[in-house]
Amino acid sequence: MKKLKLTIHHLNGGEPGEYNMKNVEFVTPVTVCEIGCNHMGDMSNAKEMIKVAAQFCNADVVKFQKRTNRELLSETEFDAPHPNPSNSYGDTYGEHRENLELDLEQHKVLKQTCEEWNVIYSTSVWDVTSAKEIASLSPQLIKIPSAINTNERVLDYLYQNYEGEIHISLGMTTLEEEERVVEMAEQFNRGKDVILYHCTAGYPVEMEELNLREITRLIETFGPRVKSIGFSGHHNGIAADMAALTLGATHFERHFTLNRTWKGTDHAASLEPDGFRRLARDLNNVGKALCPKTDKILPVELVQREKLKRFVKL
């Protein structure tokens, strides 16, 4: 099974694993392929999406979602109609969510499928029961979505009972709430297992709503206290991801679908296979291009120096 390895390249004597933008020049980026519920509740779709993400897109991580809908939703919310009926998979919002849900045994199969295709399995958890269930599978990482990053019961359980990385999106979150998320991690000595993601919680998001300089603020505020800072985007194209990389983001999460016209809310804000393949390719290439210059004259330049350099003294 693939092991998630974040390579941070340092100058000025930085220690491995240290995240300090004063000596970090570039990273080998980690790409997270967010399938979410785009499988439409169909295991055959989910397995095919894992295969494509791993083999064609070269994703590092494939991520799903897990909800216990009767715990997450009030009775009124469960019985209400879907706000966009054309995207609904049930007569009510609760039925819609239930029809998209995969149970724990199915997630075990998804994890095994990821291992077979040498890609890392992960899941976003939306409630305490789901957190307990997914933690029982011992994945390398678990995601906390923006919607529940203020659910301290979920955070408390994972910080105390789950040993892997905890990735947390910060969409629609105040500065005080961000601080509380990190403070709780530090209470249990888990700060260095946390990766925070800058995120604008819209589907899709316009470029002017991405506010990428928030990445710089998160690095300055939390860089010494957490493992790393990532970027979770719901925008069109991949240009903004390259900018996020140059600002210091290390993990890049994008929604993924096999067909953006499929029924469902997230498909339109997702990348299709060739888009995600280009994302992974370009992030890796830009990461290489950000490599610091260790020698004033590079080996590749020596031949040209001998051939072309003209020395003229006054």
Protein backbone atom coordinates (compact mmCIF):
# COMPACT_ATOMS: atom_id res chain seq x y z
CA MET A 1 0.00 0.00 0.00
CA LYS A 2 1.22 3.48 -0.82
CA LYS A 3 2.42 5.52 2.15
CA LEU A 4 1.72 9.23 2.18
CA LYS A 5 5.05 11.04 2.18
CA LEU A 6 5.23 14.80 2.25
CA THR A 7 8.69 15.95 1.18
CA ILE A 8 9.53 19.45 2.39
CA HIS A 9 12.79 20.80 1.02
CA HIS A 10 14.70 23.18 3.28
CA LEU A 11 17.35 25.83 3.19
CA ASN A 12 19.28 27.31 6.10
CA GLY A 13 19.46 24.15 8.14
CA GLY A 14 15.78 23.32 8.53
CA GLU A 15 15.05 20.00 10.19
CA PRO A 16 13.02 17.31 8.35
CA GLY A 17 9.35 17.68 9.24
CA GLU A 18 9.76 21.31 10.32
CA TYR A 19 7.31 23.64 8.60
CA ASN A 20 8.68 27.17 8.62
CA MET A 21 8.33 29.36 5.58
CA LYS A 22 11.60 31.11 6.41
CA ASN A 23 13.47 28.03 5.25
CA VAL A 24 10.94 26.15 3.11
CA GLU A 25 11.46 26.74 -0.58
CA PHE A 26 9.26 24.14 -2.25
CA VAL A 27 7.43 20.88 -1.63
CA THR A 28 6.55 17.70 -3.42
CA PRO A 29 2.76 18.24 -3.54
CA VAL A 30 0.18 15.71 -2.37
CA THR A 31 -2.98 15.42 -4.51
CA VAL A 32 -6.26 14.39 -2.88
CA CYS A 33 -8.93 13.13 -5.27
CA GLU A 34 -12.28 13.90 -3.60
CA ILE A 35 -14.81 11.38 -4.91
CA GLY A 36 -17.13 12.22 -2.03
CA CYS A 37 -20.58 11.01 -3.04
CA ASN A 38 -20.00 11.39 -6.78
CA HIS A 39 -20.23 7.59 -7.01
CA MET A 40 -24.02 8.16 -6.68
CA GLY A 41 -24.33 5.35 -4.16
CA ASP A 42 -23.06 2.74 -6.63
CA MET A 43 -20.09 0.60 -5.57
CA SER A 44 -19.19 -0.23 -9.16
CA ASN A 45 -18.89 3.51 -9.87
CA ALA A 46 -16.79 3.99 -6.72
CA LYS A 47 -14.37 1.20 -7.66
CA GLU A 48 -14.02 2.47 -11.22
CA MET A 49 -13.31 5.98 -9.93
CA ILE A 50 -10.57 4.63 -7.65
CA LYS A 51 -8.98 2.82 -10.58
CA VAL A 52 -9.07 5.88 -12.85
CA ALA A 53 -7.83 8.23 -10.10
CA ALA A 54 -4.91 5.95 -9.30
CA GLN A 55 -3.87 4.74 -12.75
CA PHE A 56 -4.75 7.59 -15.09
CA CYS A 57 -4.76 10.66 -12.84
CA ASN A 58 -1.79 9.65 -10.63
CA ALA A 59 -3.60 10.87 -7.51
CA ASP A 60 -1.92 10.30 -4.16
CA VAL A 61 -5.12 10.02 -2.10
CA VAL A 62 -8.70 9.02 -2.94
CA LYS A 63 -11.29 10.37 -0.51
CA PHE A 64 -14.93 9.49 0.15
CA GLN A 65 -17.53 10.74 2.66
CA LYS A 66 -19.29 9.03 5.58
CA ARG A 67 -22.46 10.30 7.27
CA THR A 68 -24.84 8.90 9.88
CA ASN A 69 -27.77 10.89 8.61
CA ARG A 70 -30.16 10.41 11.53
CA GLU A 71 -27.41 11.68 13.82
CA LEU A 72 -26.30 14.52 11.58
CA LEU A 73 -29.73 15.83 10.53
CA SER A 74 -32.66 16.94 12.63
CA GLU A 75 -36.02 15.29 11.90
CA THR A 76 -37.13 18.48 10.15
CA GLU A 77 -33.99 18.54 7.99
CA PHE A 78 -34.30 14.82 7.20
CA ASP A 79 -37.93 15.14 6.08
CA ALA A 80 -37.50 18.39 4.13
CA PRO A 81 -37.39 18.35 0.34
CA HIS A 82 -34.02 18.60 -1.37
CA PRO A 83 -33.29 22.30 -2.12
CA ASN A 84 -32.57 21.35 -5.74
CA PRO A 85 -35.01 18.54 -6.63
CA SER A 86 -33.38 17.86 -10.00
CA ASN A 87 -30.25 16.69 -8.13
CA SER A 88 -32.09 14.62 -5.53
CA TYR A 89 -31.84 10.84 -5.18
CA GLY A 90 -34.87 10.63 -2.87
CA ASP A 91 -38.23 12.19 -2.05
CA THR A 92 -36.73 14.03 0.94
CA TYR A 93 -33.29 15.40 1.70
CA GLY A 94 -32.78 12.60 4.22
CA GLU A 95 -33.73 9.91 1.71
CA HIS A 96 -31.43 11.57 -0.82
CA ARG A 97 -28.51 11.37 1.61
CA GLU A 98 -29.31 7.77 2.58
CA ASN A 99 -29.38 6.68 -1.06
CA LEU A 100 -25.88 8.10 -1.56
CA GLU A 101 -24.46 6.58 1.62
CA LEU A 102 -22.10 3.61 1.70
CA ASP A 103 -21.93 1.52 4.89
CA LEU A 104 -18.85 0.48 6.86
CA GLU A 105 -18.50 -2.88 5.10
CA GLN A 106 -18.53 -1.11 1.75
CA HIS A 107 -15.86 1.30 2.99
CA LYS A 108 -13.73 -1.70 3.96
CA VAL A 109 -14.00 -2.86 0.34
CA LEU A 110 -13.13 0.64 -0.92
CA LYS A 111 -10.05 0.71 1.30
CA GLN A 112 -8.98 -2.70 -0.02
CA THR A 113 -9.58 -1.52 -3.60
CA CYS A 114 -7.39 1.53 -2.98
CA GLU A 115 -4.63 -0.72 -1.67
CA GLU A 116 -4.90 -2.92 -4.77
CA TRP A 117 -4.42 0.15 -6.97
CA ASN A 118 -1.65 1.60 -4.77
CA VAL A 119 -3.49 4.77 -3.82
CA ILE A 120 -4.26 5.98 -0.29
CA TYR A 121 -7.83 5.59 0.99
CA SER A 122 -9.45 8.31 3.09
CA THR A 123 -12.88 9.54 4.09
CA SER A 124 -14.46 12.73 5.38
CA VAL A 125 -16.49 12.06 8.53
CA TRP A 126 -19.54 14.16 9.37
CA ASP A 127 -20.51 12.95 12.85
CA VAL A 128 -19.20 11.03 15.85
CA THR A 129 -20.54 7.64 14.76
CA SER A 130 -18.95 7.99 11.33
CA ALA A 131 -15.69 9.10 12.94
CA LYS A 132 -15.66 5.98 15.13
CA GLU A 133 -16.49 3.71 12.20
CA ILE A 134 -13.87 5.09 9.83
CA ALA A 135 -11.22 5.27 12.56
CA SER A 136 -11.77 1.53 13.10
CA LEU A 137 -10.39 0.98 9.57
CA SER A 138 -7.10 2.70 10.55
CA PRO A 139 -6.71 4.78 7.39
CA GLN A 140 -3.62 6.94 7.03
CA LEU A 141 -5.72 10.09 7.20
CA ILE A 142 -9.23 11.22 8.05
CA LYS A 143 -10.77 14.49 6.83
CA ILE A 144 -12.93 16.92 8.81
CA PRO A 145 -15.05 18.94 6.35
CA SER A 146 -15.68 22.65 6.80
CA ALA A 147 -19.28 21.97 7.81
CA ILE A 148 -18.33 20.25 11.08
CA ASN A 149 -14.94 21.67 12.03
CA THR A 150 -16.64 23.25 15.05
CA ASN A 151 -18.08 19.90 16.19
CA GLU A 152 -15.84 19.47 19.21
CA ARG A 153 -17.19 15.99 19.95
CA VAL A 154 -15.82 14.73 16.62
CA LEU A 155 -12.51 16.56 17.08
CA ASP A 156 -12.16 15.32 20.65
CA TYR A 157 -12.77 11.71 19.64
CA LEU A 158 -10.27 11.76 16.78
CA TYR A 159 -7.58 13.63 18.69
CA GLN A 160 -7.79 11.08 21.50
CA ASN A 161 -8.55 7.83 19.68
CA TYR A 162 -7.20 8.00 16.12
CA GLU A 163 -3.46 7.93 15.45
CA GLY A 164 -3.31 9.00 11.80
CA GLU A 165 -3.27 12.41 10.17
CA ILE A 166 -6.29 14.65 10.67
CA HIS A 167 -6.98 16.95 7.72
CA ILE A 168 -9.32 19.88 8.42
CA SER A 169 -10.95 22.27 5.96
CA LEU A 170 -11.49 25.85 7.13
CA GLY A 171 -14.29 27.05 4.85
CA MET A 172 -16.93 29.34 6.44
CA THR A 173 -14.85 29.46 9.66
CA THR A 174 -13.99 32.46 11.84
CA LEU A 175 -10.50 33.25 13.10
CA GLU A 176 -11.58 32.34 16.62
CA GLU A 177 -12.93 28.98 15.44
CA GLU A 178 -9.68 28.24 13.59
CA GLU A 179 -7.72 28.91 16.76
CA ARG A 180 -9.98 26.60 18.76
CA VAL A 181 -9.44 23.75 16.27
CA VAL A 182 -5.67 24.00 16.66
CA GLU A 183 -5.79 24.58 20.43
CA MET A 184 -7.76 21.34 20.86
CA ALA A 185 -5.16 19.45 18.82
CA GLU A 186 -2.39 20.89 20.98
CA GLN A 187 -4.18 19.87 24.17
CA PHE A 188 -3.69 16.25 23.11
CA ASN A 189 -0.23 16.82 21.59
CA ARG A 190 -1.66 16.26 18.10
CA GLY A 191 -0.79 19.53 16.37
CA LYS A 192 1.85 17.94 14.17
CA ASP A 193 -0.71 15.41 12.91
CA VAL A 194 -3.02 18.20 11.65
CA ILE A 195 -3.13 19.61 8.12
CA LEU A 196 -5.28 22.71 7.69
CA TYR A 197 -6.84 23.51 4.31
CA HIS A 198 -7.73 26.95 3.06
CA CYS A 199 -11.16 26.56 1.47
CA THR A 200 -13.99 28.72 0.16
CA ALA A 201 -17.19 26.74 0.72
CA GLY A 202 -19.08 27.34 -2.53
CA TYR A 203 -19.95 25.09 -5.50
CA PRO A 204 -18.49 26.28 -7.79
CA VAL A 205 -16.38 29.25 -6.64
CA GLU A 206 -15.36 32.21 -8.79
CA MET A 207 -11.67 33.14 -8.96
CA GLU A 208 -12.14 36.37 -7.03
CA GLU A 209 -13.69 34.36 -4.19
CA LEU A 210 -10.69 32.06 -3.72
CA ASN A 211 -8.68 34.55 -1.60
CA LEU A 212 -5.49 32.54 -1.97
CA ARG A 213 -3.44 34.86 0.23
CA GLU A 214 -5.25 33.24 3.14
CA ILE A 215 -2.72 30.43 2.60
CA THR A 216 0.06 32.86 3.55
CA ARG A 217 -1.87 33.93 6.65
CA LEU A 218 -2.46 30.32 7.72
CA ILE A 219 1.24 29.53 7.29
CA GLU A 220 2.26 32.57 9.31
CA THR A 221 -0.34 31.88 12.02
CA PHE A 222 -0.29 28.09 12.30
CA GLY A 223 2.76 26.91 10.32
CA PRO A 224 4.90 26.23 13.42
CA ARG A 225 1.96 24.56 15.21
CA VAL A 226 0.63 22.08 12.61
CA LYS A 227 2.11 19.66 10.11
CA SER A 228 1.24 21.61 6.98
CA ILE A 229 -1.20 23.87 5.11
CA GLY A 230 -3.26 22.71 2.14
CA PHE A 231 -5.77 24.06 -0.38
CA SER A 232 -9.21 22.61 -1.04
CA GLY A 233 -10.80 24.17 -4.11
CA HIS A 234 -14.19 24.09 -5.82
CA HIS A 235 -13.22 26.34 -8.73
CA ASN A 236 -12.92 25.88 -12.46
CA GLY A 237 -9.57 24.96 -13.98
CA ILE A 238 -6.25 24.33 -12.28
CA ALA A 239 -4.43 27.68 -12.48
CA ALA A 240 -5.34 28.64 -8.90
CA ASP A 241 -3.82 25.40 -7.59
CA MET A 242 -0.47 26.34 -9.11
CA ALA A 243 -0.65 29.73 -7.40
CA ALA A 244 -1.50 28.00 -4.10
CA LEU A 245 1.61 25.85 -4.48
CA THR A 246 3.85 28.89 -4.92
CA LEU A 247 2.28 30.42 -1.79
CA GLY A 248 3.30 27.39 0.27
CA ALA A 249 0.36 24.95 0.17
CA THR A 250 1.43 21.30 0.24
CA HIS A 251 -1.82 19.33 -0.14
CA PHE A 252 -4.32 19.89 -2.94
CA GLU A 253 -7.87 18.55 -2.76
CA ARG A 254 -10.24 18.71 -5.72
CA HIS A 255 -13.60 17.05 -6.33
CA PHE A 256 -13.48 14.31 -8.95
CA THR A 257 -16.06 12.82 -11.30
CA LEU A 258 -16.10 10.68 -14.41
CA ASN A 259 -18.73 12.95 -15.97
CA ARG A 260 -19.51 16.53 -14.93
CA THR A 261 -23.02 16.24 -16.39
CA TRP A 262 -24.06 13.43 -14.03
CA LYS A 263 -26.92 14.08 -11.63
CA GLY A 264 -25.80 15.58 -8.33
CA THR A 265 -24.67 18.81 -6.69
CA ASP A 266 -20.89 18.29 -6.76
CA HIS A 267 -20.30 17.04 -10.31
CA ALA A 268 -20.32 20.51 -11.89
CA ALA A 269 -17.61 21.68 -9.45
CA SER A 270 -15.46 18.59 -10.07
CA LEU A 271 -12.55 17.76 -12.32
CA GLU A 272 -12.96 14.99 -14.88
CA PRO A 273 -10.11 12.46 -15.30
CA ASP A 274 -8.01 14.45 -17.76
CA GLY A 275 -8.39 17.59 -15.65
CA PHE A 276 -7.18 15.82 -12.52
CA ARG A 277 -4.34 14.18 -14.47
CA ARG A 278 -3.21 17.63 -15.62
CA LEU A 279 -3.52 18.94 -12.07
CA ALA A 280 -1.24 16.24 -10.65
CA ARG A 281 1.22 16.59 -13.53
CA ASP A 282 1.45 20.38 -13.34
CA LEU A 283 1.70 20.51 -9.54
CA ASN A 284 4.62 18.09 -9.65
CA ASN A 285 6.32 20.02 -12.46
CA VAL A 286 5.85 23.39 -10.77
CA GLY A 287 7.10 21.86 -7.52
CA LYS A 288 10.28 20.78 -9.29
CA ALA A 289 10.66 24.21 -10.89
CA LEU A 290 10.56 25.82 -7.42
CA CYS A 291 13.69 23.93 -6.42
CA PRO A 292 16.26 26.28 -4.86
CA LYS A 293 19.52 26.82 -6.73
CA THR A 294 22.22 25.06 -4.71
CA ASP A 295 25.12 25.94 -7.03
CA LYS A 296 25.64 29.37 -8.55
CA ILE A 297 26.41 27.69 -11.86
CA LEU A 298 24.44 24.51 -12.45
CA PRO A 299 25.98 21.41 -14.11
CA VAL A 300 23.62 21.88 -17.06
CA GLU A 301 25.14 25.35 -17.57
CA LEU A 302 28.81 24.31 -17.53
CA VAL A 303 28.99 23.15 -21.15
CA GLN A 304 27.26 26.32 -22.35
CA ARG A 305 29.54 28.43 -20.16
CA GLU A 306 32.59 26.94 -21.82
CA LYS A 307 31.09 27.39 -25.26
CA LEU A 308 29.35 30.76 -25.03
CA LYS A 309 30.68 32.81 -22.12
CA ARG A 310 32.64 35.86 -23.23
CA PHE A 311 35.02 37.50 -20.74
CA VAL A 312 35.81 41.13 -21.49
CA LYS A 313 37.89 43.16 -19.04
CA LEU A 314 38.01 46.92 -19.03
